[in-house]
Amino acid sequence: MKNRVAGLINEWEGVSQEDLIELLKEKDQALQAITDVNYQLSCERDLFRREADHYKARCVKFQVDEMRRKRAGGEIK
């Protein structure tokens, strides 16, 4: 880790402060874009999970109702 930091410091030697500030701004923008994408994916995942749970519950309810009709001698549609 120390060698990596020392290497970065050597690379930055002679670079103007404005350039370093600009690089940090670009890095912050890239990280914000990644954060936004992750947030969107999390929201979509949660929505799809809720929808899947809803459909699963409907399927289980349908199966239970169908079994009850069979036991009662009713017609299955």
PDB file of N, CA and C in Angstrom:
ATOM      1  N   MET A   1       0.830  -1.191   0.000  1.00  0.00           N
ATOM      2  CA  MET A   1       0.000   0.000   0.000  1.00  0.00           C
ATOM      3  C   MET A   1       0.873   1.252   0.000  1.00  0.00           C
ATOM      4  N   LYS A   2       1.945   1.230   0.810  1.00  0.00           N
ATOM      5  CA  LYS A   2       2.829   2.395   0.868  1.00  0.00           C
ATOM      6  C   LYS A   2       3.490   2.630  -0.483  1.00  0.00           C
ATOM      7  N   ASN A   3       3.887   1.543  -1.159  1.00  0.00           N
ATOM      8  CA  ASN A   3       4.512   1.688  -2.476  1.00  0.00           C
ATOM      9  C   ASN A   3       3.533   2.267  -3.484  1.00  0.00           C
ATOM     10  N   ARG A   4       2.289   1.856  -3.375  1.00  0.00           N
ATOM     11  CA  ARG A   4       1.266   2.371  -4.296  1.00  0.00           C
ATOM     12  C   ARG A   4       1.071   3.869  -4.096  1.00  0.00           C
ATOM     13  N   VAL A   5       0.989   4.288  -2.841  1.00  0.00           N
ATOM     14  CA  VAL A   5       0.813   5.712  -2.545  1.00  0.00           C
ATOM     15  C   VAL A   5       2.028   6.494  -3.010  1.00  0.00           C
ATOM     16  N   ALA A   6       3.212   5.958  -2.750  1.00  0.00           N
ATOM     17  CA  ALA A   6       4.436   6.640  -3.180  1.00  0.00           C
ATOM     18  C   ALA A   6       4.472   6.761  -4.700  1.00  0.00           C
ATOM     19  N   GLY A   7       4.021   5.725  -5.389  1.00  0.00           N
ATOM     20  CA  GLY A   7       3.983   5.779  -6.849  1.00  0.00           C
ATOM     21  C   GLY A   7       3.025   6.843  -7.349  1.00  0.00           C
ATOM     22  N   LEU A   8       1.875   6.942  -6.705  1.00  0.00           N
ATOM     23  CA  LEU A   8       0.910   7.972  -7.101  1.00  0.00           C
ATOM     24  C   LEU A   8       1.454   9.371  -6.853  1.00  0.00           C
ATOM     25  N   ILE A   9       2.128   9.534  -5.726  1.00  0.00           N
ATOM     26  CA  ILE A   9       2.700  10.850  -5.412  1.00  0.00           C
ATOM     27  C   ILE A   9       3.743  11.223  -6.462  1.00  0.00           C
ATOM     28  N   ASN A  10       4.564  10.251  -6.853  1.00  0.00           N
ATOM     29  CA  ASN A  10       5.569  10.515  -7.889  1.00  0.00           C
ATOM     30  C   ASN A  10       4.910  10.879  -9.214  1.00  0.00           C
ATOM     31  N   GLU A  11       3.806  10.219  -9.544  1.00  0.00           N
ATOM     32  CA  GLU A  11       3.097  10.530 -10.787  1.00  0.00           C
ATOM     33  C   GLU A  11       2.531  11.943 -10.759  1.00  0.00           C
ATOM     34  N   TRP A  12       2.100  12.381  -9.599  1.00  0.00           N
ATOM     35  CA  TRP A  12       1.458  13.690  -9.483  1.00  0.00           C
ATOM     36  C   TRP A  12       2.461  14.836  -9.344  1.00  0.00           C
ATOM     37  N   GLU A  13       3.719  14.510  -9.192  1.00  0.00           N
ATOM     38  CA  GLU A  13       4.728  15.548  -9.020  1.00  0.00           C
ATOM     39  C   GLU A  13       4.756  16.432 -10.263  1.00  0.00           C
ATOM     40  N   GLY A  14       4.674  17.701 -10.063  1.00  0.00           N
ATOM     41  CA  GLY A  14       4.691  18.643 -11.170  1.00  0.00           C
ATOM     42  C   GLY A  14       3.320  18.937 -11.755  1.00  0.00           C
ATOM     43  N   VAL A  15       2.294  18.261 -11.281  1.00  0.00           N
ATOM     44  CA  VAL A  15       0.938  18.500 -11.772  1.00  0.00           C
ATOM     45  C   VAL A  15       0.373  19.705 -11.025  1.00  0.00           C
ATOM     46  N   SER A  16      -0.306  20.566 -11.748  1.00  0.00           N
ATOM     47  CA  SER A  16      -0.854  21.767 -11.114  1.00  0.00           C
ATOM     48  C   SER A  16      -2.018  21.411 -10.193  1.00  0.00           C
ATOM     49  N   GLN A  17      -2.244  22.276  -9.230  1.00  0.00           N
ATOM     50  CA  GLN A  17      -3.342  22.068  -8.283  1.00  0.00           C
ATOM     51  C   GLN A  17      -4.688  22.079  -9.002  1.00  0.00           C
ATOM     52  N   GLU A  18      -4.809  22.915 -10.004  1.00  0.00           N
ATOM     53  CA  GLU A  18      -6.067  22.992 -10.746  1.00  0.00           C
ATOM     54  C   GLU A  18      -6.376  21.658 -11.429  1.00  0.00           C
ATOM     55  N   ASP A  19      -5.332  21.030 -11.981  1.00  0.00           N
ATOM     56  CA  ASP A  19      -5.533  19.732 -12.631  1.00  0.00           C
ATOM     57  C   ASP A  19      -5.950  18.669 -11.617  1.00  0.00           C
ATOM     58  N   LEU A  20      -5.308  18.703 -10.440  1.00  0.00           N
ATOM     59  CA  LEU A  20      -5.676  17.740  -9.398  1.00  0.00           C
ATOM     60  C   LEU A  20      -7.111  17.961  -8.934  1.00  0.00           C
ATOM     61  N   ILE A  21      -7.492  19.213  -8.785  1.00  0.00           N
ATOM     62  CA  ILE A  21      -8.861  19.531  -8.374  1.00  0.00           C
ATOM     63  C   ILE A  21      -9.846  19.057  -9.432  1.00  0.00           C
ATOM     64  N   GLU A  22      -9.506  19.277 -10.698  1.00  0.00           N
ATOM     65  CA  GLU A  22     -10.373  18.828 -11.792  1.00  0.00           C
ATOM     66  C   GLU A  22     -10.503  17.306 -11.787  1.00  0.00           C
ATOM     67  N   LEU A  23      -9.396  16.603 -11.553  1.00  0.00           N
ATOM     68  CA  LEU A  23      -9.441  15.139 -11.477  1.00  0.00           C
ATOM     69  C   LEU A  23     -10.334  14.673 -10.332  1.00  0.00           C
ATOM     70  N   LEU A  24     -10.234  15.351  -9.193  1.00  0.00           N
ATOM     71  CA  LEU A  24     -11.081  14.990  -8.051  1.00  0.00           C
ATOM     72  C   LEU A  24     -12.556  15.241  -8.362  1.00  0.00           C
ATOM     73  N   LYS A  25     -12.850  16.331  -9.065  1.00  0.00           N
ATOM     74  CA  LYS A  25     -14.239  16.612  -9.451  1.00  0.00           C
ATOM     75  C   LYS A  25     -14.764  15.527 -10.384  1.00  0.00           C
ATOM     76  N   GLU A  26     -13.927  15.121 -11.357  1.00  0.00           N
ATOM     77  CA  GLU A  26     -14.336  14.065 -12.286  1.00  0.00           C
ATOM     78  C   GLU A  26     -14.565  12.750 -11.547  1.00  0.00           C
ATOM     79  N   LYS A  27     -13.686  12.470 -10.591  1.00  0.00           N
ATOM     80  CA  LYS A  27     -13.843  11.246  -9.795  1.00  0.00           C
ATOM     81  C   LYS A  27     -15.144  11.307  -9.001  1.00  0.00           C
ATOM     82  N   ASP A  28     -15.418  12.446  -8.385  1.00  0.00           N
ATOM     83  CA  ASP A  28     -16.660  12.602  -7.618  1.00  0.00           C
ATOM     84  C   ASP A  28     -17.890  12.435  -8.508  1.00  0.00           C
ATOM     85  N   GLN A  29     -17.832  12.987  -9.722  1.00  0.00           N
ATOM     86  CA  GLN A  29     -18.956  12.851 -10.647  1.00  0.00           C
ATOM     87  C   GLN A  29     -19.155  11.396 -11.057  1.00  0.00           C
ATOM     88  N   ALA A  30     -18.043  10.704 -11.302  1.00  0.00           N
ATOM     89  CA  ALA A  30     -18.136   9.290 -11.684  1.00  0.00           C
ATOM     90  C   ALA A  30     -18.707   8.464 -10.536  1.00  0.00           C
ATOM     91  N   LEU A  31     -18.249   8.734  -9.323  1.00  0.00           N
ATOM     92  CA  LEU A  31     -18.772   8.008  -8.160  1.00  0.00           C
ATOM     93  C   LEU A  31     -20.251   8.306  -7.947  1.00  0.00           C
ATOM     94  N   GLN A  32     -20.659   9.547  -8.180  1.00  0.00           N
ATOM     95  CA  GLN A  32     -22.075   9.898  -8.039  1.00  0.00           C
ATOM     96  C   GLN A  32     -22.910   9.176  -9.084  1.00  0.00           C
ATOM     97  N   ALA A  33     -22.387   9.082 -10.301  1.00  0.00           N
ATOM     98  CA  ALA A  33     -23.109   8.364 -11.360  1.00  0.00           C
ATOM     99  C   ALA A  33     -23.265   6.891 -10.991  1.00  0.00           C
ATOM    100  N   ILE A  34     -22.220   6.301 -10.444  1.00  0.00           N
ATOM    101  CA  ILE A  34     -22.285   4.896 -10.016  1.00  0.00           C
ATOM    102  C   ILE A  34     -23.296   4.741  -8.891  1.00  0.00           C
ATOM    103  N   THR A  35     -23.284   5.672  -7.951  1.00  0.00           N
ATOM    104  CA  THR A  35     -24.232   5.635  -6.836  1.00  0.00           C
ATOM    105  C   THR A  35     -25.666   5.737  -7.348  1.00  0.00           C
ATOM    106  N   ASP A  36     -25.892   6.616  -8.317  1.00  0.00           N
ATOM    107  CA  ASP A  36     -27.235   6.772  -8.889  1.00  0.00           C
ATOM    108  C   ASP A  36     -27.704   5.489  -9.566  1.00  0.00           C
ATOM    109  N   VAL A  37     -26.805   4.853 -10.319  1.00  0.00           N
ATOM    110  CA  VAL A  37     -27.156   3.600 -10.993  1.00  0.00           C
ATOM    111  C   VAL A  37     -27.455   2.519  -9.962  1.00  0.00           C
ATOM    112  N   ASN A  38     -26.623   2.427  -8.933  1.00  0.00           N
ATOM    113  CA  ASN A  38     -26.858   1.429  -7.887  1.00  0.00           C
ATOM    114  C   ASN A  38     -28.197   1.654  -7.195  1.00  0.00           C
ATOM    115  N   TYR A  39     -28.528   2.912  -6.934  1.00  0.00           N
ATOM    116  CA  TYR A  39     -29.808   3.234  -6.301  1.00  0.00           C
ATOM    117  C   TYR A  39     -30.971   2.809  -7.195  1.00  0.00           C
ATOM    118  N   GLN A  40     -30.862   3.115  -8.484  1.00  0.00           N
ATOM    119  CA  GLN A  40     -31.917   2.748  -9.429  1.00  0.00           C
ATOM    120  C   GLN A  40     -32.078   1.230  -9.494  1.00  0.00           C
ATOM    121  N   LEU A  41     -30.954   0.517  -9.570  1.00  0.00           N
ATOM    122  CA  LEU A  41     -31.013  -0.948  -9.621  1.00  0.00           C
ATOM    123  C   LEU A  41     -31.626  -1.524  -8.346  1.00  0.00           C
ATOM    124  N   SER A  42     -31.292  -0.936  -7.205  1.00  0.00           N
ATOM    125  CA  SER A  42     -31.867  -1.402  -5.941  1.00  0.00           C
ATOM    126  C   SER A  42     -33.376  -1.193  -5.921  1.00  0.00           C
ATOM    127  N   CYS A  43     -33.815  -0.045  -6.403  1.00  0.00           N
ATOM    128  CA  CYS A  43     -35.258   0.231  -6.452  1.00  0.00           C
ATOM    129  C   CYS A  43     -35.967  -0.755  -7.370  1.00  0.00           C
ATOM    130  N   GLU A  44     -35.380  -0.998  -8.542  1.00  0.00           N
ATOM    131  CA  GLU A  44     -35.992  -1.938  -9.479  1.00  0.00           C
ATOM    132  C   GLU A  44     -36.011  -3.349  -8.902  1.00  0.00           C
ATOM    133  N   ARG A  45     -34.915  -3.748  -8.263  1.00  0.00           N
ATOM    134  CA  ARG A  45     -34.859  -5.079  -7.655  1.00  0.00           C
ATOM    135  C   ARG A  45     -35.946  -5.231  -6.598  1.00  0.00           C
ATOM    136  N   ASP A  46     -36.099  -4.216  -5.752  1.00  0.00           N
ATOM    137  CA  ASP A  46     -37.118  -4.283  -4.707  1.00  0.00           C
ATOM    138  C   ASP A  46     -38.524  -4.346  -5.302  1.00  0.00           C
ATOM    139  N   LEU A  47     -38.759  -3.573  -6.359  1.00  0.00           N
ATOM    140  CA  LEU A  47     -40.062  -3.596  -7.020  1.00  0.00           C
ATOM    141  C   LEU A  47     -40.343  -4.980  -7.598  1.00  0.00           C
ATOM    142  N   PHE A  48     -39.372  -5.549  -8.312  1.00  0.00           N
ATOM    143  CA  PHE A  48     -39.563  -6.873  -8.910  1.00  0.00           C
ATOM    144  C   PHE A  48     -39.742  -7.941  -7.839  1.00  0.00           C
ATOM    145  N   ARG A  49     -39.041  -7.787  -6.723  1.00  0.00           N
ATOM    146  CA  ARG A  49     -39.190  -8.751  -5.630  1.00  0.00           C
ATOM    147  C   ARG A  49     -40.601  -8.680  -5.051  1.00  0.00           C
ATOM    148  N   ARG A  50     -41.113  -7.457  -4.872  1.00  0.00           N
ATOM    149  CA  ARG A  50     -42.484  -7.309  -4.362  1.00  0.00           C
ATOM    150  C   ARG A  50     -43.492  -7.894  -5.339  1.00  0.00           C
ATOM    151  N   GLU A  51     -43.281  -7.637  -6.636  1.00  0.00           N
ATOM    152  CA  GLU A  51     -44.192  -8.191  -7.637  1.00  0.00           C
ATOM    153  C   GLU A  51     -44.140  -9.711  -7.641  1.00  0.00           C
ATOM    154  N   ALA A  52     -42.949 -10.274  -7.540  1.00  0.00           N
ATOM    155  CA  ALA A  52     -42.809 -11.732  -7.519  1.00  0.00           C
ATOM    156  C   ALA A  52     -43.489 -12.317  -6.285  1.00  0.00           C
ATOM    157  N   ASP A  53     -43.317 -11.674  -5.142  1.00  0.00           N
ATOM    158  CA  ASP A  53     -43.982 -12.147  -3.923  1.00  0.00           C
ATOM    159  C   ASP A  53     -45.499 -12.084  -4.075  1.00  0.00           C
ATOM    160  N   HIS A  54     -45.990 -11.019  -4.705  1.00  0.00           N
ATOM    161  CA  HIS A  54     -47.433 -10.870  -4.924  1.00  0.00           C
ATOM    162  C   HIS A  54     -47.959 -12.003  -5.810  1.00  0.00           C
ATOM    163  N   TYR A  55     -47.275 -12.261  -6.920  1.00  0.00           N
ATOM    164  CA  TYR A  55     -47.717 -13.328  -7.829  1.00  0.00           C
ATOM    165  C   TYR A  55     -47.595 -14.696  -7.176  1.00  0.00           C
ATOM    166  N   LYS A  56     -46.553 -14.880  -6.391  1.00  0.00           N
ATOM    167  CA  LYS A  56     -46.386 -16.154  -5.687  1.00  0.00           C
ATOM    168  C   LYS A  56     -47.546 -16.369  -4.717  1.00  0.00           C
ATOM    169  N   ALA A  57     -47.911 -15.323  -3.993  1.00  0.00           N
ATOM    170  CA  ALA A  57     -49.029 -15.429  -3.049  1.00  0.00           C
ATOM    171  C   ALA A  57     -50.326 -15.735  -3.793  1.00  0.00           C
ATOM    172  N   ARG A  58     -50.520 -15.114  -4.955  1.00  0.00           N
ATOM    173  CA  ARG A  58     -51.730 -15.392  -5.744  1.00  0.00           C
ATOM    174  C   ARG A  58     -51.751 -16.835  -6.216  1.00  0.00           C
ATOM    175  N   CYS A  59     -50.596 -17.362  -6.632  1.00  0.00           N
ATOM    176  CA  CYS A  59     -50.522 -18.752  -7.098  1.00  0.00           C
ATOM    177  C   CYS A  59     -50.826 -19.719  -5.960  1.00  0.00           C
ATOM    178  N   VAL A  60     -50.255 -19.443  -4.786  1.00  0.00           N
ATOM    179  CA  VAL A  60     -50.508 -20.308  -3.634  1.00  0.00           C
ATOM    180  C   VAL A  60     -51.982 -20.262  -3.272  1.00  0.00           C
ATOM    181  N   LYS A  61     -52.574 -19.062  -3.274  1.00  0.00           N
ATOM    182  CA  LYS A  61     -53.999 -18.942  -2.959  1.00  0.00           C
ATOM    183  C   LYS A  61     -54.828 -19.722  -3.980  1.00  0.00           C
ATOM    184  N   PHE A  62     -54.494 -19.626  -5.260  1.00  0.00           N
ATOM    185  CA  PHE A  62     -55.215 -20.352  -6.293  1.00  0.00           C
ATOM    186  C   PHE A  62     -55.108 -21.856  -6.063  1.00  0.00           C
ATOM    187  N   GLN A  63     -53.904 -22.329  -5.742  1.00  0.00           N
ATOM    188  CA  GLN A  63     -53.708 -23.762  -5.511  1.00  0.00           C
ATOM    189  C   GLN A  63     -54.505 -24.243  -4.304  1.00  0.00           C
ATOM    190  N   VAL A  64     -54.519 -23.451  -3.250  1.00  0.00           N
ATOM    191  CA  VAL A  64     -55.283 -23.822  -2.052  1.00  0.00           C
ATOM    192  C   VAL A  64     -56.770 -23.860  -2.378  1.00  0.00           C
ATOM    193  N   ASP A  65     -57.261 -22.846  -3.093  1.00  0.00           N
ATOM    194  CA  ASP A  65     -58.679 -22.822  -3.472  1.00  0.00           C
ATOM    195  C   ASP A  65     -59.031 -24.015  -4.352  1.00  0.00           C
ATOM    196  N   GLU A  66     -58.144 -24.367  -5.272  1.00  0.00           N
ATOM    197  CA  GLU A  66     -58.383 -25.499  -6.162  1.00  0.00           C
ATOM    198  C   GLU A  66     -58.446 -26.806  -5.369  1.00  0.00           C
ATOM    199  N   MET A  67     -57.546 -26.964  -4.411  1.00  0.00           N
ATOM    200  CA  MET A  67     -57.561 -28.178  -3.583  1.00  0.00           C
ATOM    201  C   MET A  67     -58.845 -28.258  -2.771  1.00  0.00           C
ATOM    202  N   ARG A  68     -59.315 -27.120  -2.267  1.00  0.00           N
ATOM    203  CA  ARG A  68     -60.557 -27.105  -1.491  1.00  0.00           C
ATOM    204  C   ARG A  68     -61.744 -27.491  -2.367  1.00  0.00           C
ATOM    205  N   ARG A  69     -61.760 -27.005  -3.601  1.00  0.00           N
ATOM    206  CA  ARG A  69     -62.850 -27.364  -4.519  1.00  0.00           C
ATOM    207  C   ARG A  69     -62.822 -28.858  -4.825  1.00  0.00           C
ATOM    208  N   LYS A  70     -61.633 -29.401  -5.011  1.00  0.00           N
ATOM    209  CA  LYS A  70     -61.514 -30.841  -5.285  1.00  0.00           C
ATOM    210  C   LYS A  70     -62.057 -31.656  -4.120  1.00  0.00           C
ATOM    211  N   ARG A  71     -61.656 -31.253  -2.931  1.00  0.00           N
ATOM    212  CA  ARG A  71     -62.103 -31.988  -1.736  1.00  0.00           C
ATOM    213  C   ARG A  71     -63.611 -31.877  -1.554  1.00  0.00           C
ATOM    214  N   ALA A  72     -64.152 -30.727  -1.925  1.00  0.00           N
ATOM    215  CA  ALA A  72     -65.594 -30.514  -1.769  1.00  0.00           C
ATOM    216  C   ALA A  72     -66.378 -31.133  -2.923  1.00  0.00           C
ATOM    217  N   GLY A  73     -65.662 -31.671  -3.905  1.00  0.00           N
ATOM    218  CA  GLY A  73     -66.337 -32.288  -5.041  1.00  0.00           C
ATOM    219  C   GLY A  73     -66.806 -31.286  -6.061  1.00  0.00           C
ATOM    220  N   GLY A  74     -66.277 -30.089  -5.982  1.00  0.00           N
ATOM    221  CA  GLY A  74     -66.678 -29.047  -6.920  1.00  0.00           C
ATOM    222  C   GLY A  74     -65.955 -29.173  -8.244  1.00  0.00           C
ATOM    223  N   GLU A  75     -66.447 -28.400  -9.167  1.00  0.00           N
ATOM    224  CA  GLU A  75     -65.870 -28.405 -10.508  1.00  0.00           C
ATOM    225  C   GLU A  75     -64.609 -27.544 -10.522  1.00  0.00           C
ATOM    226  N   ILE A  76     -63.598 -28.032 -11.221  1.00  0.00           N
ATOM    227  CA  ILE A  76     -62.351 -27.278 -11.349  1.00  0.00           C
ATOM    228  C   ILE A  76     -62.354 -26.598 -12.700  1.00  0.00           C
ATOM    229  N   LYS A  77     -62.104 -25.322 -12.697  1.00  0.00           N
ATOM    230  CA  LYS A  77     -62.125 -24.549 -13.946  1.00  0.00           C
ATOM    231  C   LYS A  77     -60.746 -24.475 -14.538  1.00  0.00           C
TER     232      LYS A  77
END
